[in-house]
């Protein structure tokens, strides 16, 4: 999944791979990422 396509408030549940220019985030099953209004990707596990 492309990080640029995720707007503030978007939620992604693992398993998933989130790709962006500077980093790749791997979410394992039962992990969750939410895009903060500042644009930061907050991962909860």
C-alpha atoms as a PDB file:
ATOM      1  CA  UNK A   1       0.000   0.000   0.000  1.00  0.00           C
ATOM      2  CA  UNK A   2       1.275   3.492  -0.832  1.00  0.00           C
ATOM      3  CA  UNK A   3       1.617   5.870   2.134  1.00  0.00           C
ATOM      4  CA  UNK A   4       0.814   8.896  -0.074  1.00  0.00           C
ATOM      5  CA  UNK A   5      -2.685   7.512  -0.630  1.00  0.00           C
ATOM      6  CA  UNK A   6      -3.540   7.540   3.090  1.00  0.00           C
ATOM      7  CA  UNK A   7      -5.317  10.655   4.359  1.00  0.00           C
ATOM      8  CA  UNK A   8      -5.460  11.843   7.971  1.00  0.00           C
ATOM      9  CA  UNK A   9      -7.621   9.460   9.982  1.00  0.00           C
ATOM     10  CA  UNK A  10      -6.987   6.520   7.652  1.00  0.00           C
ATOM     11  CA  UNK A  11      -6.553   3.218   9.452  1.00  0.00           C
ATOM     12  CA  UNK A  12      -4.660   0.160   8.237  1.00  0.00           C
ATOM     13  CA  UNK A  13      -4.823  -3.217   9.980  1.00  0.00           C
ATOM     14  CA  UNK A  14      -2.106  -5.837   9.523  1.00  0.00           C
ATOM     15  CA  UNK A  15      -0.906  -7.832   7.914  1.00  0.00           C
ATOM     16  CA  UNK A  16       0.146  -4.989   5.616  1.00  0.00           C
ATOM     17  CA  UNK A  17       3.142  -3.241   4.103  1.00  0.00           C
ATOM     18  CA  UNK A  18       3.038   0.563   3.839  1.00  0.00           C
ATOM     19  CA  UNK A  19       5.586   1.982   1.386  1.00  0.00           C
ATOM     20  CA  UNK A  20       6.852   5.544   1.171  1.00  0.00           C
ATOM     21  CA  UNK A  21       9.959   7.216  -0.242  1.00  0.00           C
ATOM     22  CA  UNK A  22      11.984   7.166   2.979  1.00  0.00           C
ATOM     23  CA  UNK A  23      10.677   4.084   4.763  1.00  0.00           C
ATOM     24  CA  UNK A  24       8.651   0.899   4.610  1.00  0.00           C
ATOM     25  CA  UNK A  25       6.402  -0.078   7.528  1.00  0.00           C
ATOM     26  CA  UNK A  26       5.507  -3.710   8.126  1.00  0.00           C
ATOM     27  CA  UNK A  27       2.354  -4.388  10.136  1.00  0.00           C
ATOM     28  CA  UNK A  28       2.007  -7.876  11.523  1.00  0.00           C
ATOM     29  CA  UNK A  29      -1.397  -9.500  12.142  1.00  0.00           C
ATOM     30  CA  UNK A  30      -3.380  -7.631  14.825  1.00  0.00           C
ATOM     31  CA  UNK A  31      -1.188  -4.510  14.544  1.00  0.00           C
ATOM     32  CA  UNK A  32      -2.796  -1.267  13.464  1.00  0.00           C
ATOM     33  CA  UNK A  33      -1.591   2.040  12.015  1.00  0.00           C
ATOM     34  CA  UNK A  34      -3.512   5.312  11.983  1.00  0.00           C
ATOM     35  CA  UNK A  35      -2.519   8.463  10.099  1.00  0.00           C
ATOM     36  CA  UNK A  36      -2.441  11.340  12.594  1.00  0.00           C
ATOM     37  CA  UNK A  37      -3.750  14.766  11.511  1.00  0.00           C
ATOM     38  CA  UNK A  38      -0.103  15.951  11.461  1.00  0.00           C
ATOM     39  CA  UNK A  39       0.652  13.276   8.855  1.00  0.00           C
ATOM     40  CA  UNK A  40       2.581  11.013  11.233  1.00  0.00           C
ATOM     41  CA  UNK A  41       1.941   7.295  11.029  1.00  0.00           C
ATOM     42  CA  UNK A  42       1.062   5.990  14.505  1.00  0.00           C
ATOM     43  CA  UNK A  43       1.531   2.235  14.891  1.00  0.00           C
ATOM     44  CA  UNK A  44      -0.195   0.333  17.692  1.00  0.00           C
ATOM     45  CA  UNK A  45       0.735  -3.215  18.569  1.00  0.00           C
END
